[in-house]
């Protein structure tokens, strides 16, 4: 959830059109994926008792931010249910795609 807000902040402050569009694609794409994950998770494990929004962005550069986000996702202890892993893989694919688009000039 935090990454949506952070990517929108990067989107509004960049001077690069390619970055602007890449970040827009990310913040528009991440919300439905997070929603799908949360609903599927709660369908099996029950409602969340609380939601932790995560840590503040350490990086001021979008590319560094998204690389750190991938590391953070890898470090999380998430359930191994295949349907949840599929959604997690879609989230990782969106981040990887965003990193590619950020590399364009």
PDB file of N, CA and C in Angstrom:
ATOM      1  N   UNK A   1       0.832  -1.188   0.000  1.00  0.00           N
ATOM      2  CA  UNK A   1       0.000   0.000   0.000  1.00  0.00           C
ATOM      3  C   UNK A   1       0.876   1.251   0.000  1.00  0.00           C
ATOM      4  N   UNK A   2       1.946   1.160   0.759  1.00  0.00           N
ATOM      5  CA  UNK A   2       2.866   2.288   0.822  1.00  0.00           C
ATOM      6  C   UNK A   2       3.494   2.582  -0.538  1.00  0.00           C
ATOM      7  N   UNK A   3       3.773   1.522  -1.297  1.00  0.00           N
ATOM      8  CA  UNK A   3       4.441   1.705  -2.587  1.00  0.00           C
ATOM      9  C   UNK A   3       3.563   2.459  -3.578  1.00  0.00           C
ATOM     10  N   UNK A   4       2.258   2.347  -3.438  1.00  0.00           N
ATOM     11  CA  UNK A   4       1.356   3.097  -4.305  1.00  0.00           C
ATOM     12  C   UNK A   4       1.534   4.595  -4.070  1.00  0.00           C
ATOM     13  N   UNK A   5       1.538   4.997  -2.806  1.00  0.00           N
ATOM     14  CA  UNK A   5       1.708   6.422  -2.476  1.00  0.00           C
ATOM     15  C   UNK A   5       3.094   6.924  -2.860  1.00  0.00           C
ATOM     16  N   UNK A   6       4.123   6.099  -2.591  1.00  0.00           N
ATOM     17  CA  UNK A   6       5.481   6.513  -2.919  1.00  0.00           C
ATOM     18  C   UNK A   6       5.664   6.659  -4.426  1.00  0.00           C
ATOM     19  N   UNK A   7       5.132   5.710  -5.198  1.00  0.00           N
ATOM     20  CA  UNK A   7       5.275   5.810  -6.652  1.00  0.00           C
ATOM     21  C   UNK A   7       4.518   7.012  -7.198  1.00  0.00           C
ATOM     22  N   UNK A   8       3.394   7.354  -6.585  1.00  0.00           N
ATOM     23  CA  UNK A   8       2.650   8.535  -7.017  1.00  0.00           C
ATOM     24  C   UNK A   8       3.448   9.805  -6.712  1.00  0.00           C
ATOM     25  N   UNK A   9       4.115   9.830  -5.569  1.00  0.00           N
ATOM     26  CA  UNK A   9       4.965  10.984  -5.237  1.00  0.00           C
ATOM     27  C   UNK A   9       6.107  11.115  -6.241  1.00  0.00           C
ATOM     28  N   UNK A  10       6.759   9.996  -6.572  1.00  0.00           N
ATOM     29  CA  UNK A  10       7.807  10.027  -7.606  1.00  0.00           C
ATOM     30  C   UNK A  10       7.228  10.513  -8.934  1.00  0.00           C
ATOM     31  N   UNK A  11       6.057  10.022  -9.297  1.00  0.00           N
ATOM     32  CA  UNK A  11       5.367  10.373 -10.541  1.00  0.00           C
ATOM     33  C   UNK A  11       5.150  11.885 -10.644  1.00  0.00           C
ATOM     34  N   UNK A  12       4.754  12.494  -9.540  1.00  0.00           N
ATOM     35  CA  UNK A  12       4.440  13.929  -9.552  1.00  0.00           C
ATOM     36  C   UNK A  12       5.671  14.820  -9.526  1.00  0.00           C
ATOM     37  N   UNK A  13       6.825  14.259  -9.172  1.00  0.00           N
ATOM     38  CA  UNK A  13       8.016  15.099  -9.048  1.00  0.00           C
ATOM     39  C   UNK A  13       9.068  14.855 -10.123  1.00  0.00           C
ATOM     40  N   UNK A  14       8.886  13.837 -10.963  1.00  0.00           N
ATOM     41  CA  UNK A  14       9.886  13.557 -11.990  1.00  0.00           C
ATOM     42  C   UNK A  14       9.816  14.579 -13.119  1.00  0.00           C
ATOM     43  N   UNK A  15      10.956  14.771 -13.764  1.00  0.00           N
ATOM     44  CA  UNK A  15      11.014  15.628 -14.948  1.00  0.00           C
ATOM     45  C   UNK A  15      11.129  14.797 -16.216  1.00  0.00           C
ATOM     46  N   UNK A  16      11.111  13.479 -16.051  1.00  0.00           N
ATOM     47  CA  UNK A  16      11.239  12.555 -17.177  1.00  0.00           C
ATOM     48  C   UNK A  16       9.860  12.030 -17.565  1.00  0.00           C
ATOM     49  N   UNK A  17       9.505  12.158 -18.834  1.00  0.00           N
ATOM     50  CA  UNK A  17       8.214  11.649 -19.299  1.00  0.00           C
ATOM     51  C   UNK A  17       8.148  10.134 -19.164  1.00  0.00           C
ATOM     52  N   UNK A  18       9.250   9.435 -19.507  1.00  0.00           N
ATOM     53  CA  UNK A  18       9.276   7.978 -19.405  1.00  0.00           C
ATOM     54  C   UNK A  18       9.059   7.535 -17.950  1.00  0.00           C
ATOM     55  N   UNK A  19       9.732   8.190 -17.008  1.00  0.00           N
ATOM     56  CA  UNK A  19       9.533   7.879 -15.584  1.00  0.00           C
ATOM     57  C   UNK A  19       8.097   8.174 -15.172  1.00  0.00           C
ATOM     58  N   UNK A  20       7.595   9.298 -15.624  1.00  0.00           N
ATOM     59  CA  UNK A  20       6.232   9.721 -15.296  1.00  0.00           C
ATOM     60  C   UNK A  20       5.226   8.634 -15.689  1.00  0.00           C
ATOM     61  N   UNK A  21       5.343   8.124 -16.902  1.00  0.00           N
ATOM     62  CA  UNK A  21       4.415   7.098 -17.388  1.00  0.00           C
ATOM     63  C   UNK A  21       4.647   5.744 -16.698  1.00  0.00           C
ATOM     64  N   UNK A  22       5.901   5.387 -16.471  1.00  0.00           N
ATOM     65  CA  UNK A  22       6.204   4.114 -15.804  1.00  0.00           C
ATOM     66  C   UNK A  22       5.638   4.096 -14.387  1.00  0.00           C
ATOM     67  N   UNK A  23       5.794   5.187 -13.685  1.00  0.00           N
ATOM     68  CA  UNK A  23       5.302   5.267 -12.307  1.00  0.00           C
ATOM     69  C   UNK A  23       3.777   5.296 -12.267  1.00  0.00           C
ATOM     70  N   UNK A  24       3.171   5.937 -13.243  1.00  0.00           N
ATOM     71  CA  UNK A  24       1.704   5.940 -13.325  1.00  0.00           C
ATOM     72  C   UNK A  24       1.178   4.524 -13.534  1.00  0.00           C
ATOM     73  N   UNK A  25       1.831   3.775 -14.430  1.00  0.00           N
ATOM     74  CA  UNK A  25       1.410   2.389 -14.673  1.00  0.00           C
ATOM     75  C   UNK A  25       1.521   1.563 -13.390  1.00  0.00           C
ATOM     76  N   UNK A  26       2.559   1.819 -12.606  1.00  0.00           N
ATOM     77  CA  UNK A  26       2.723   1.070 -11.355  1.00  0.00           C
ATOM     78  C   UNK A  26       1.619   1.419 -10.357  1.00  0.00           C
ATOM     79  N   UNK A  27       1.426   2.710 -10.087  1.00  0.00           N
ATOM     80  CA  UNK A  27       0.456   3.024  -9.028  1.00  0.00           C
ATOM     81  C   UNK A  27      -0.975   2.706  -9.449  1.00  0.00           C
ATOM     82  N   UNK A  28      -1.256   2.666 -10.742  1.00  0.00           N
ATOM     83  CA  UNK A  28      -2.592   2.249 -11.180  1.00  0.00           C
ATOM     84  C   UNK A  28      -2.743   0.722 -11.161  1.00  0.00           C
ATOM     85  N   UNK A  29      -1.630   0.000 -11.306  1.00  0.00           N
ATOM     86  CA  UNK A  29      -1.688  -1.458 -11.350  1.00  0.00           C
ATOM     87  C   UNK A  29      -1.577  -2.149 -10.004  1.00  0.00           C
ATOM     88  N   UNK A  30      -0.931  -1.517  -9.044  1.00  0.00           N
ATOM     89  CA  UNK A  30      -0.661  -2.197  -7.774  1.00  0.00           C
ATOM     90  C   UNK A  30      -1.907  -2.328  -6.899  1.00  0.00           C
ATOM     91  N   UNK A  31      -2.795  -1.360  -6.908  1.00  0.00           N
ATOM     92  CA  UNK A  31      -3.956  -1.395  -6.015  1.00  0.00           C
ATOM     93  C   UNK A  31      -4.849  -2.617  -6.272  1.00  0.00           C
ATOM     94  N   UNK A  32      -5.229  -2.917  -7.525  1.00  0.00           N
ATOM     95  CA  UNK A  32      -6.047  -4.114  -7.744  1.00  0.00           C
ATOM     96  C   UNK A  32      -5.347  -5.404  -7.319  1.00  0.00           C
ATOM     97  N   UNK A  33      -4.024  -5.484  -7.504  1.00  0.00           N
ATOM     98  CA  UNK A  33      -3.293  -6.680  -7.092  1.00  0.00           C
ATOM     99  C   UNK A  33      -3.278  -6.822  -5.575  1.00  0.00           C
ATOM    100  N   UNK A  34      -3.040  -5.722  -4.878  1.00  0.00           N
ATOM    101  CA  UNK A  34      -3.053  -5.776  -3.414  1.00  0.00           C
ATOM    102  C   UNK A  34      -4.437  -6.137  -2.890  1.00  0.00           C
ATOM    103  N   UNK A  35      -5.447  -5.605  -3.518  1.00  0.00           N
ATOM    104  CA  UNK A  35      -6.824  -5.902  -3.120  1.00  0.00           C
ATOM    105  C   UNK A  35      -7.130  -7.388  -3.334  1.00  0.00           C
ATOM    106  N   UNK A  36      -6.730  -7.934  -4.477  1.00  0.00           N
ATOM    107  CA  UNK A  36      -6.941  -9.357  -4.758  1.00  0.00           C
ATOM    108  C   UNK A  36      -6.224 -10.229  -3.741  1.00  0.00           C
ATOM    109  N   UNK A  37      -4.989  -9.871  -3.434  1.00  0.00           N
ATOM    110  CA  UNK A  37      -4.216 -10.639  -2.468  1.00  0.00           C
ATOM    111  C   UNK A  37      -4.891 -10.610  -1.100  1.00  0.00           C
ATOM    112  N   UNK A  38      -5.256  -9.416  -0.645  1.00  0.00           N
ATOM    113  CA  UNK A  38      -5.869  -9.278   0.678  1.00  0.00           C
ATOM    114  C   UNK A  38      -7.172 -10.062   0.775  1.00  0.00           C
ATOM    115  N   UNK A  39      -8.006  -9.974  -0.240  1.00  0.00           N
ATOM    116  CA  UNK A  39      -9.297 -10.669  -0.203  1.00  0.00           C
ATOM    117  C   UNK A  39      -9.118 -12.189  -0.248  1.00  0.00           C
ATOM    118  N   UNK A  40      -8.188 -12.679  -1.072  1.00  0.00           N
ATOM    119  CA  UNK A  40      -7.935 -14.121  -1.133  1.00  0.00           C
ATOM    120  C   UNK A  40      -7.349 -14.612   0.190  1.00  0.00           C
ATOM    121  N   UNK A  41      -6.443 -13.842   0.754  1.00  0.00           N
ATOM    122  CA  UNK A  41      -5.839 -14.190   2.046  1.00  0.00           C
ATOM    123  C   UNK A  41      -6.921 -14.271   3.125  1.00  0.00           C
ATOM    124  N   UNK A  42      -7.766 -13.257   3.205  1.00  0.00           N
ATOM    125  CA  UNK A  42      -8.807 -13.230   4.239  1.00  0.00           C
ATOM    126  C   UNK A  42      -9.849 -14.315   4.006  1.00  0.00           C
ATOM    127  N   UNK A  43     -10.045 -14.722   2.743  1.00  0.00           N
ATOM    128  CA  UNK A  43     -10.966 -15.806   2.454  1.00  0.00           C
ATOM    129  C   UNK A  43     -10.540 -17.116   3.093  1.00  0.00           C
ATOM    130  N   UNK A  44      -9.253 -17.301   3.280  1.00  0.00           N
ATOM    131  CA  UNK A  44      -8.760 -18.523   3.924  1.00  0.00           C
ATOM    132  C   UNK A  44      -8.419 -18.311   5.398  1.00  0.00           C
ATOM    133  N   UNK A  45      -7.720 -17.231   5.702  1.00  0.00           N
ATOM    134  CA  UNK A  45      -7.159 -17.039   7.041  1.00  0.00           C
ATOM    135  C   UNK A  45      -7.967 -16.108   7.937  1.00  0.00           C
ATOM    136  N   UNK A  46      -9.010 -15.488   7.410  1.00  0.00           N
ATOM    137  CA  UNK A  46      -9.822 -14.569   8.200  1.00  0.00           C
ATOM    138  C   UNK A  46      -9.358 -13.130   8.054  1.00  0.00           C
ATOM    139  N   UNK A  47     -10.147 -12.250   8.608  1.00  0.00           N
ATOM    140  CA  UNK A  47      -9.871 -10.814   8.501  1.00  0.00           C
ATOM    141  C   UNK A  47      -8.540 -10.438   9.143  1.00  0.00           C
ATOM    142  N   UNK A  48      -7.932  -9.400   8.589  1.00  0.00           N
ATOM    143  CA  UNK A  48      -6.731  -8.840   9.208  1.00  0.00           C
ATOM    144  C   UNK A  48      -7.133  -8.187  10.528  1.00  0.00           C
ATOM    145  N   UNK A  49      -6.341  -8.360  11.543  1.00  0.00           N
ATOM    146  CA  UNK A  49      -6.601  -7.676  12.816  1.00  0.00           C
ATOM    147  C   UNK A  49      -6.115  -6.241  12.769  1.00  0.00           C
ATOM    148  N   UNK A  50      -5.026  -6.040  12.052  1.00  0.00           N
ATOM    149  CA  UNK A  50      -4.507  -4.691  11.851  1.00  0.00           C
ATOM    150  C   UNK A  50      -3.729  -4.672  10.544  1.00  0.00           C
ATOM    151  N   UNK A  51      -3.549  -3.497  10.016  1.00  0.00           N
ATOM    152  CA  UNK A  51      -2.782  -3.346   8.786  1.00  0.00           C
ATOM    153  C   UNK A  51      -1.597  -2.450   9.090  1.00  0.00           C
ATOM    154  N   UNK A  52      -0.420  -2.947   8.796  1.00  0.00           N
ATOM    155  CA  UNK A  52       0.806  -2.172   8.991  1.00  0.00           C
ATOM    156  C   UNK A  52       1.202  -1.633   7.621  1.00  0.00           C
ATOM    157  N   UNK A  53       1.313  -0.331   7.532  1.00  0.00           N
ATOM    158  CA  UNK A  53       1.576   0.275   6.232  1.00  0.00           C
ATOM    159  C   UNK A  53       3.023   0.176   5.785  1.00  0.00           C
ATOM    160  N   UNK A  54       3.904  -0.270   6.622  1.00  0.00           N
ATOM    161  CA  UNK A  54       5.285  -0.452   6.186  1.00  0.00           C
ATOM    162  C   UNK A  54       6.169   0.698   6.576  1.00  0.00           C
ATOM    163  N   UNK A  55       7.338   0.668   6.016  1.00  0.00           N
ATOM    164  CA  UNK A  55       8.334   1.658   6.380  1.00  0.00           C
ATOM    165  C   UNK A  55       8.375   2.788   5.370  1.00  0.00           C
ATOM    166  N   UNK A  56       8.981   3.873   5.769  1.00  0.00           N
ATOM    167  CA  UNK A  56       9.126   5.007   4.860  1.00  0.00           C
ATOM    168  C   UNK A  56      10.176   4.691   3.811  1.00  0.00           C
ATOM    169  N   UNK A  57      10.034   5.340   2.689  1.00  0.00           N
ATOM    170  CA  UNK A  57      10.997   5.148   1.598  1.00  0.00           C
ATOM    171  C   UNK A  57      12.362   5.678   2.016  1.00  0.00           C
ATOM    172  N   UNK A  58      13.369   4.855   1.807  1.00  0.00           N
ATOM    173  CA  UNK A  58      14.727   5.269   2.124  1.00  0.00           C
ATOM    174  C   UNK A  58      15.343   5.953   0.905  1.00  0.00           C
ATOM    175  N   UNK A  59      14.964   5.505  -0.266  1.00  0.00           N
ATOM    176  CA  UNK A  59      15.562   5.994  -1.507  1.00  0.00           C
ATOM    177  C   UNK A  59      14.805   7.198  -2.052  1.00  0.00           C
ATOM    178  N   UNK A  60      15.549   8.118  -2.612  1.00  0.00           N
ATOM    179  CA  UNK A  60      14.938   9.262  -3.287  1.00  0.00           C
ATOM    180  C   UNK A  60      14.865   9.026  -4.791  1.00  0.00           C
ATOM    181  N   UNK A  61      15.453   7.926  -5.233  1.00  0.00           N
ATOM    182  CA  UNK A  61      15.489   7.561  -6.638  1.00  0.00           C
ATOM    183  C   UNK A  61      14.512   6.405  -6.861  1.00  0.00           C
ATOM    184  N   UNK A  62      13.594   6.521  -7.832  1.00  0.00           N
ATOM    185  CA  UNK A  62      12.609   5.460  -8.047  1.00  0.00           C
ATOM    186  C   UNK A  62      13.213   4.084  -8.317  1.00  0.00           C
ATOM    187  N   UNK A  63      14.277   4.021  -9.088  1.00  0.00           N
ATOM    188  CA  UNK A  63      14.891   2.730  -9.408  1.00  0.00           C
ATOM    189  C   UNK A  63      15.420   2.055  -8.143  1.00  0.00           C
ATOM    190  N   UNK A  64      16.102   2.811  -7.321  1.00  0.00           N
ATOM    191  CA  UNK A  64      16.616   2.268  -6.059  1.00  0.00           C
ATOM    192  C   UNK A  64      15.458   1.866  -5.160  1.00  0.00           C
ATOM    193  N   UNK A  65      14.410   2.669  -5.130  1.00  0.00           N
ATOM    194  CA  UNK A  65      13.240   2.353  -4.314  1.00  0.00           C
ATOM    195  C   UNK A  65      12.635   1.006  -4.716  1.00  0.00           C
ATOM    196  N   UNK A  66      12.425   0.793  -6.008  1.00  0.00           N
ATOM    197  CA  UNK A  66      11.802  -0.448  -6.461  1.00  0.00           C
ATOM    198  C   UNK A  66      12.720  -1.655  -6.274  1.00  0.00           C
ATOM    199  N   UNK A  67      14.029  -1.481  -6.403  1.00  0.00           N
ATOM    200  CA  UNK A  67      14.949  -2.582  -6.105  1.00  0.00           C
ATOM    201  C   UNK A  67      14.862  -2.965  -4.628  1.00  0.00           C
ATOM    202  N   UNK A  68      14.800  -1.955  -3.760  1.00  0.00           N
ATOM    203  CA  UNK A  68      14.651  -2.219  -2.328  1.00  0.00           C
ATOM    204  C   UNK A  68      13.308  -2.869  -2.021  1.00  0.00           C
ATOM    205  N   UNK A  69      12.283  -2.481  -2.746  1.00  0.00           N
ATOM    206  CA  UNK A  69      10.957  -3.073  -2.555  1.00  0.00           C
ATOM    207  C   UNK A  69      10.992  -4.568  -2.879  1.00  0.00           C
ATOM    208  N   UNK A  70      11.688  -4.948  -3.944  1.00  0.00           N
ATOM    209  CA  UNK A  70      11.829  -6.369  -4.284  1.00  0.00           C
ATOM    210  C   UNK A  70      12.522  -7.132  -3.157  1.00  0.00           C
ATOM    211  N   UNK A  71      13.581  -6.551  -2.608  1.00  0.00           N
ATOM    212  CA  UNK A  71      14.282  -7.189  -1.484  1.00  0.00           C
ATOM    213  C   UNK A  71      13.344  -7.351  -0.291  1.00  0.00           C
ATOM    214  N   UNK A  72      12.559  -6.339  -0.023  1.00  0.00           N
ATOM    215  CA  UNK A  72      11.626  -6.374   1.099  1.00  0.00           C
ATOM    216  C   UNK A  72      10.580  -7.477   0.902  1.00  0.00           C
ATOM    217  N   UNK A  73      10.043  -7.592  -0.300  1.00  0.00           N
ATOM    218  CA  UNK A  73       9.042  -8.630  -0.592  1.00  0.00           C
ATOM    219  C   UNK A  73       9.656 -10.014  -0.402  1.00  0.00           C
ATOM    220  N   UNK A  74      10.892 -10.207  -0.879  1.00  0.00           N
ATOM    221  CA  UNK A  74      11.565 -11.494  -0.714  1.00  0.00           C
ATOM    222  C   UNK A  74      11.777 -11.853   0.752  1.00  0.00           C
ATOM    223  N   UNK A  75      11.947 -10.847   1.601  1.00  0.00           N
ATOM    224  CA  UNK A  75      12.215 -11.099   3.022  1.00  0.00           C
ATOM    225  C   UNK A  75      10.947 -11.389   3.831  1.00  0.00           C
ATOM    226  N   UNK A  76       9.785 -11.105   3.270  1.00  0.00           N
ATOM    227  CA  UNK A  76       8.529 -11.305   3.993  1.00  0.00           C
ATOM    228  C   UNK A  76       8.205 -12.788   4.116  1.00  0.00           C
ATOM    229  N   UNK A  77       7.604 -13.153   5.223  1.00  0.00           N
ATOM    230  CA  UNK A  77       7.154 -14.532   5.413  1.00  0.00           C
ATOM    231  C   UNK A  77       5.686 -14.599   5.025  1.00  0.00           C
ATOM    232  N   UNK A  78       5.461 -14.992   3.785  1.00  0.00           N
ATOM    233  CA  UNK A  78       4.105 -15.051   3.248  1.00  0.00           C
ATOM    234  C   UNK A  78       3.653 -16.501   3.122  1.00  0.00           C
ATOM    235  N   UNK A  79       2.347 -16.744   3.180  1.00  0.00           N
ATOM    236  CA  UNK A  79       1.845 -18.112   3.017  1.00  0.00           C
ATOM    237  C   UNK A  79       2.250 -18.691   1.661  1.00  0.00           C
ATOM    238  N   UNK A  80       2.346 -20.007   1.600  1.00  0.00           N
ATOM    239  CA  UNK A  80       2.755 -20.689   0.368  1.00  0.00           C
ATOM    240  C   UNK A  80       1.586 -21.172  -0.470  1.00  0.00           C
ATOM    241  N   UNK A  81       0.370 -20.749  -0.179  1.00  0.00           N
ATOM    242  CA  UNK A  81      -0.780 -21.144  -0.988  1.00  0.00           C
ATOM    243  C   UNK A  81      -0.526 -20.702  -2.433  1.00  0.00           C
ATOM    244  N   UNK A  82      -0.766 -21.601  -3.384  1.00  0.00           N
ATOM    245  CA  UNK A  82      -0.430 -21.294  -4.771  1.00  0.00           C
ATOM    246  C   UNK A  82      -1.184 -20.088  -5.303  1.00  0.00           C
ATOM    247  N   UNK A  83      -2.443 -19.924  -4.935  1.00  0.00           N
ATOM    248  CA  UNK A  83      -3.207 -18.784  -5.445  1.00  0.00           C
ATOM    249  C   UNK A  83      -2.673 -17.471  -4.882  1.00  0.00           C
ATOM    250  N   UNK A  84      -2.166 -17.477  -3.651  1.00  0.00           N
ATOM    251  CA  UNK A  84      -1.547 -16.269  -3.092  1.00  0.00           C
ATOM    252  C   UNK A  84      -0.175 -16.030  -3.723  1.00  0.00           C
ATOM    253  N   UNK A  85       0.577 -17.107  -3.963  1.00  0.00           N
ATOM    254  CA  UNK A  85       1.884 -16.976  -4.624  1.00  0.00           C
ATOM    255  C   UNK A  85       1.715 -16.425  -6.041  1.00  0.00           C
ATOM    256  N   UNK A  86       0.647 -16.832  -6.724  1.00  0.00           N
ATOM    257  CA  UNK A  86       0.395 -16.321  -8.077  1.00  0.00           C
ATOM    258  C   UNK A  86       0.202 -14.810  -8.057  1.00  0.00           C
ATOM    259  N   UNK A  87      -0.563 -14.321  -7.100  1.00  0.00           N
ATOM    260  CA  UNK A  87      -0.779 -12.875  -7.011  1.00  0.00           C
ATOM    261  C   UNK A  87       0.524 -12.180  -6.627  1.00  0.00           C
ATOM    262  N   UNK A  88       1.270 -12.786  -5.702  1.00  0.00           N
ATOM    263  CA  UNK A  88       2.569 -12.222  -5.329  1.00  0.00           C
ATOM    264  C   UNK A  88       3.486 -12.154  -6.550  1.00  0.00           C
ATOM    265  N   UNK A  89       3.467 -13.197  -7.377  1.00  0.00           N
ATOM    266  CA  UNK A  89       4.275 -13.193  -8.604  1.00  0.00           C
ATOM    267  C   UNK A  89       3.842 -12.078  -9.552  1.00  0.00           C
ATOM    268  N   UNK A  90       2.550 -11.808  -9.624  1.00  0.00           N
ATOM    269  CA  UNK A  90       2.065 -10.703 -10.458  1.00  0.00           C
ATOM    270  C   UNK A  90       2.567  -9.367  -9.924  1.00  0.00           C
ATOM    271  N   UNK A  91       2.625  -9.228  -8.612  1.00  0.00           N
ATOM    272  CA  UNK A  91       3.145  -8.000  -8.001  1.00  0.00           C
ATOM    273  C   UNK A  91       4.624  -7.851  -8.344  1.00  0.00           C
ATOM    274  N   UNK A  92       5.388  -8.930  -8.225  1.00  0.00           N
ATOM    275  CA  UNK A  92       6.809  -8.898  -8.572  1.00  0.00           C
ATOM    276  C   UNK A  92       6.974  -8.574 -10.057  1.00  0.00           C
ATOM    277  N   UNK A  93       6.142  -9.149 -10.910  1.00  0.00           N
ATOM    278  CA  UNK A  93       6.211  -8.859 -12.348  1.00  0.00           C
ATOM    279  C   UNK A  93       5.942  -7.379 -12.623  1.00  0.00           C
ATOM    280  N   UNK A  94       4.993  -6.789 -11.903  1.00  0.00           N
ATOM    281  CA  UNK A  94       4.702  -5.362 -12.074  1.00  0.00           C
ATOM    282  C   UNK A  94       5.902  -4.520 -11.657  1.00  0.00           C
ATOM    283  N   UNK A  95       6.541  -4.893 -10.566  1.00  0.00           N
ATOM    284  CA  UNK A  95       7.736  -4.157 -10.122  1.00  0.00           C
ATOM    285  C   UNK A  95       8.855  -4.310 -11.142  1.00  0.00           C
ATOM    286  N   UNK A  96       9.074  -5.531 -11.617  1.00  0.00           N
ATOM    287  CA  UNK A  96      10.123  -5.762 -12.627  1.00  0.00           C
ATOM    288  C   UNK A  96       9.842  -4.975 -13.908  1.00  0.00           C
ATOM    289  N   UNK A  97       8.595  -4.957 -14.337  1.00  0.00           N
ATOM    290  CA  UNK A  97       8.205  -4.192 -15.525  1.00  0.00           C
ATOM    291  C   UNK A  97       8.450  -2.704 -15.302  1.00  0.00           C
ATOM    292  N   UNK A  98       8.127  -2.236 -14.106  1.00  0.00           N
ATOM    293  CA  UNK A  98       8.346  -0.822 -13.776  1.00  0.00           C
ATOM    294  C   UNK A  98       9.827  -0.502 -13.819  1.00  0.00           C
ATOM    295  N   UNK A  99      10.662  -1.394 -13.274  1.00  0.00           N
ATOM    296  CA  UNK A  99      12.103  -1.168 -13.323  1.00  0.00           C
ATOM    297  C   UNK A  99      12.598  -1.095 -14.769  1.00  0.00           C
ATOM    298  N   UNK A 100      12.074  -1.951 -15.619  1.00  0.00           N
ATOM    299  CA  UNK A 100      12.456  -1.893 -17.037  1.00  0.00           C
ATOM    300  C   UNK A 100      12.053  -0.544 -17.638  1.00  0.00           C
ATOM    301  N   UNK A 101      10.811  -0.150 -17.416  1.00  0.00           N
ATOM    302  CA  UNK A 101      10.329   1.109 -17.996  1.00  0.00           C
ATOM    303  C   UNK A 101      11.100   2.311 -17.435  1.00  0.00           C
ATOM    304  N   UNK A 102      11.525   2.221 -16.187  1.00  0.00           N
ATOM    305  CA  UNK A 102      12.329   3.309 -15.614  1.00  0.00           C
ATOM    306  C   UNK A 102      13.701   3.403 -16.274  1.00  0.00           C
ATOM    307  N   UNK A 103      14.149   2.318 -16.895  1.00  0.00           N
ATOM    308  CA  UNK A 103      15.455   2.336 -17.557  1.00  0.00           C
ATOM    309  C   UNK A 103      15.397   3.004 -18.934  1.00  0.00           C
ATOM    310  N   UNK A 104      14.199   3.220 -19.447  1.00  0.00           N
ATOM    311  CA  UNK A 104      14.035   3.846 -20.760  1.00  0.00           C
ATOM    312  C   UNK A 104      14.229   5.357 -20.647  1.00  0.00           C
ATOM    313  N   UNK A 105      14.693   5.948 -21.697  1.00  0.00           N
ATOM    314  CA  UNK A 105      14.903   7.404 -21.690  1.00  0.00           C
ATOM    315  C   UNK A 105      13.819   8.139 -22.393  1.00  0.00           C
TER     316      UNK A 105
END
